[in-house]
């Protein structure tokens, strides 16, 4: 009763204050801004719909900050305002920005035909040669010529799919475009973003997304798609019982074009390559700020690799990178002190906005202050919970250091001796390894830092653990898995997980008991916690090439080498480093039938058990190369 009483008191005290702040901000927005809805003509005659929020203050000229989205610029109607007071965009309003949100071609209220990740066309010749870069150019051109009291400077930003449109904006070449921030940008949907990682299909993201997003929209509308009707709220049960991917195609139906395209392009062919913007990131003119989350379940790949591509191909571009300890879009949430059970010691999202993003756009679009002192790479290191401002990424003092899988579940920095042999498990597609311990309907965001003890206890997950660390070990850069394996079949997946094992007596300082307080019973037991730092999958048949899959020769030792996304993490003294290896990660990743075949069109009967061996002897030394920073 006492606990409930204090909860009621807290609600009465906090909620009115929060409501008051929200109401004050929303009232301020209505008093100081006017909303207009406009159609903007493109060069081929198609018109794109935009919601424009204009400051009523005409005493100065205002910059334009724009986001292009396939997810709707709702609410529609000039008296219906977007709830900017709920996010950081309210700060831009109070700085007097003109805010513009546009429905991209073929989505919601915009005219034309929508194309998923429409390929960039570097050789546009006539008015009918359009792409997302040309649509951005035409939009900017109309805005600066038609919006009153604009200062002729435009910025573009967006998260996820709008991040892709931000990258395309950087290729538009419009002289008014001064600053662009692609945030968790969709970049390559076959190699590492959203729906594929190293060729393995992330069905748990793809299917629910396209059953709604992919529904055809024959004409402009403000009405969203109908939701798919699931017969159970247990995702593991639904995806397992639905079975082979061809059964998901039946559920999806014939009307969703991209789903059919995806099934018809099972390898990294020219169709997929055309949808990879990275080769075109040359001579980029605006100042660039790539932002992403270290624990972004959707687009962890995109932010890193957009930055790398610009650095390599456009070295004169003012190009900066920020990576925080965030889930997808968490940096825009006003929060950032934890993810799941793992805590970061401060509000990292608030720090980022105040110290990086806001000064970035204010300087380049308003000329406010001196050029912001943004480091080449501003990276948050989990474990030690510190922001680091680095002159390059990876850091110059990073050296790849192999850590070897060894007999008896050991993990060490010394190469194994002869005779250590192998460890093995049976991978059964009928009982795949779950990606998280609990029952869920939707894919969680917390799994990127989840406790992996549930997986370590399964017989089809191999566990290799170091001795207790005698000093801190800091990782900064890409992790490379280099396994020597054999399988009884002709194909298999390999999931490698890098894990921080907390000491058995670990607890966060704020949870430590005091003279007057016990540790709350609801606190998760962090002693022995196995924090997932990074996990990634390699579809075995793509081990040599994403373009040309190849079968395994049964029972023959074979190298499987692949790169995991970059990490920034410190394993503290007293912790341990753990590597887990498994061959399913369900239903996150679709099941491999473990026979060499076109997985998109195989049958339920094609799925087979397989014996997987991971070798760790002197001749066949499996290892994981860690990007260790010198102490």
Foldseek 3Di string as FASTA:
>chain_A
DVVVVVVVVVCVVPVVVVVVQLVVLVVVQVVFWFWDWDWFAALVGWTWIKIKIAGPDLPAFAAEEEFEDLPDPDDDDRVGDDSCSQWPCSVVVVVGHIYMYINPDQHAATHHNDDPLWFDDPDDDDSPPDDLLRVLQSVLVCCVVPPPRHPLAYEYEDFECSLSSQLSVLVNPRPRYAETERELYDAACDPPFAQHHQLFGQCLRPLQCCLFSQAHDPHHHNDGGDGQDDPDLFQQVRQLVCFFLLSSDVSSDDRRVVVVVCLVDSFCDPVRVSSHCLVVLAQRHHAYEYEYELLAPGRLPPSVSSQVSCCVHHVVHNYAYEYENDYRPVLTNQADQAFPQFGQHDRVSVCCVVQPVVLCCCCRRVVPDDHRPQARYFYAAPPVNDTDRANDPPHPQWDWQKWFQFAPQAIGSDAAAAPRWWDKAKAASSDHDALADDGGNHDDSRSQFAFCPVVPPDRQKRKHKYDFAQFKWWFTFKKKWKWWKAKQAWWFKKKKWKWKFAAQPDDDPVQDDDPPDHRDPPRDRNRRGTTTQFMGMHTGQCQPHSRGGGTGDHPDTDIRMDITGTTTYMRGGRIMIMMMMHGGHPPSTPGDLRHDDSSNPDDSVSRDMMMMITTRYNVGITIMTTGTRDD
